[in-house]
Amino acid sequence: MAKISQQLSFTFRIGVDQKGQFAKVTVQIDEIDTELPIKEQLEKVDGALDKVWAYIKKKVDAQIDEVLDN
């Protein structure tokens, strides 16, 4: 039984060019069983991922605001 992971990341500038302020957002799903239906496994992840994403986004937004205020 092979298991795989998939990751997707976005890096973007959050400040002015000269300050080199960037943020990176990464979403990763681990332990996808290649012998089971992929669609069913991803459907189980979907609801949890939305909640985790909302939580992380709130924290990252606050940190970005702090960096930009300095």
C-alpha atoms as a PDB file:
ATOM      1  CA  MET A   1       0.000   0.000   0.000  1.00  0.00           C
ATOM      2  CA  ALA A   2       1.740   3.140  -1.222  1.00  0.00           C
ATOM      3  CA  LYS A   3       0.958   6.440   0.471  1.00  0.00           C
ATOM      4  CA  ILE A   4       1.706   9.821  -1.016  1.00  0.00           C
ATOM      5  CA  SER A   5       1.623  13.486  -0.009  1.00  0.00           C
ATOM      6  CA  GLN A   6       0.791  16.594  -2.005  1.00  0.00           C
ATOM      7  CA  GLN A   7       1.764  20.152  -1.187  1.00  0.00           C
ATOM      8  CA  LEU A   8       0.866  23.468  -2.808  1.00  0.00           C
ATOM      9  CA  SER A   9       2.532  26.751  -1.817  1.00  0.00           C
ATOM     10  CA  PHE A  10       2.193  30.398  -2.724  1.00  0.00           C
ATOM     11  CA  THR A  11       4.819  33.023  -1.872  1.00  0.00           C
ATOM     12  CA  PHE A  12       3.887  36.667  -2.220  1.00  0.00           C
ATOM     13  CA  ARG A  13       5.273  40.101  -1.340  1.00  0.00           C
ATOM     14  CA  ILE A  14       3.549  41.835   1.555  1.00  0.00           C
ATOM     15  CA  GLY A  15       5.639  45.003   1.820  1.00  0.00           C
ATOM     16  CA  VAL A  16       7.594  47.434  -0.274  1.00  0.00           C
ATOM     17  CA  ASP A  17      10.247  46.059  -2.649  1.00  0.00           C
ATOM     18  CA  GLN A  18      13.225  47.350  -0.670  1.00  0.00           C
ATOM     19  CA  LYS A  19      12.321  45.603   2.598  1.00  0.00           C
ATOM     20  CA  GLY A  20      12.074  42.052   1.243  1.00  0.00           C
ATOM     21  CA  GLN A  21       8.890  41.247   3.158  1.00  0.00           C
ATOM     22  CA  PHE A  22       7.258  38.084   1.882  1.00  0.00           C
ATOM     23  CA  ALA A  23       4.719  35.580   3.141  1.00  0.00           C
ATOM     24  CA  LYS A  24       4.334  31.952   2.148  1.00  0.00           C
ATOM     25  CA  VAL A  25       1.140  29.945   2.439  1.00  0.00           C
ATOM     26  CA  THR A  26       1.342  26.159   2.119  1.00  0.00           C
ATOM     27  CA  VAL A  27      -1.397  23.533   2.131  1.00  0.00           C
ATOM     28  CA  GLN A  28      -0.385  19.885   2.400  1.00  0.00           C
ATOM     29  CA  ILE A  29      -2.326  16.628   2.492  1.00  0.00           C
ATOM     30  CA  ASP A  30      -0.419  13.572   3.737  1.00  0.00           C
ATOM     31  CA  GLU A  31      -0.899   9.820   3.673  1.00  0.00           C
ATOM     32  CA  ILE A  32      -3.114   9.562   0.609  1.00  0.00           C
ATOM     33  CA  ASP A  33      -3.528   5.834   0.056  1.00  0.00           C
ATOM     34  CA  THR A  34      -3.064   5.080  -3.622  1.00  0.00           C
ATOM     35  CA  GLU A  35      -4.991   1.816  -3.321  1.00  0.00           C
ATOM     36  CA  LEU A  36      -8.194   3.490  -2.073  1.00  0.00           C
ATOM     37  CA  PRO A  37     -10.499   5.832  -4.010  1.00  0.00           C
ATOM     38  CA  ILE A  38      -8.827   9.253  -4.028  1.00  0.00           C
ATOM     39  CA  LYS A  39     -12.108  11.186  -4.256  1.00  0.00           C
ATOM     40  CA  GLU A  40     -13.435   9.694  -1.005  1.00  0.00           C
ATOM     41  CA  GLN A  41     -10.212  10.451   0.840  1.00  0.00           C
ATOM     42  CA  LEU A  42     -10.201  14.064  -0.310  1.00  0.00           C
ATOM     43  CA  GLU A  43     -13.859  14.552   0.598  1.00  0.00           C
ATOM     44  CA  LYS A  44     -12.975  13.582   4.187  1.00  0.00           C
ATOM     45  CA  VAL A  45     -10.231  16.221   4.198  1.00  0.00           C
ATOM     46  CA  ASP A  46     -12.352  19.005   2.688  1.00  0.00           C
ATOM     47  CA  GLY A  47     -14.310  20.165   5.752  1.00  0.00           C
ATOM     48  CA  ALA A  48     -11.329  20.012   8.081  1.00  0.00           C
ATOM     49  CA  LEU A  49      -9.109  21.824   5.600  1.00  0.00           C
ATOM     50  CA  ASP A  50     -11.591  24.713   5.343  1.00  0.00           C
ATOM     51  CA  LYS A  51     -11.545  25.143   9.139  1.00  0.00           C
ATOM     52  CA  VAL A  52      -7.767  24.890   9.375  1.00  0.00           C
ATOM     53  CA  TRP A  53      -7.354  27.337   6.468  1.00  0.00           C
ATOM     54  CA  ALA A  54      -9.647  29.918   8.117  1.00  0.00           C
ATOM     55  CA  TYR A  55      -7.728  29.651  11.403  1.00  0.00           C
ATOM     56  CA  ILE A  56      -4.293  29.944   9.790  1.00  0.00           C
ATOM     57  CA  LYS A  57      -5.410  32.799   7.521  1.00  0.00           C
ATOM     58  CA  LYS A  58      -6.597  34.798  10.538  1.00  0.00           C
ATOM     59  CA  LYS A  59      -3.235  34.307  12.269  1.00  0.00           C
ATOM     60  CA  VAL A  60      -1.213  35.113   9.138  1.00  0.00           C
ATOM     61  CA  ASP A  61      -3.292  38.225   8.400  1.00  0.00           C
ATOM     62  CA  ALA A  62      -2.597  39.495  11.925  1.00  0.00           C
ATOM     63  CA  GLN A  63       1.133  38.863  11.538  1.00  0.00           C
ATOM     64  CA  ILE A  64       1.211  40.567   8.143  1.00  0.00           C
ATOM     65  CA  ASP A  65      -0.539  43.599   9.624  1.00  0.00           C
ATOM     66  CA  GLU A  66       2.079  43.680  12.395  1.00  0.00           C
ATOM     67  CA  VAL A  67       4.959  43.556   9.894  1.00  0.00           C
ATOM     68  CA  LEU A  68       3.430  46.292   7.757  1.00  0.00           C
ATOM     69  CA  ASP A  69       2.841  48.516  10.803  1.00  0.00           C
ATOM     70  CA  ASN A  70       6.568  48.387  11.632  1.00  0.00           C
END
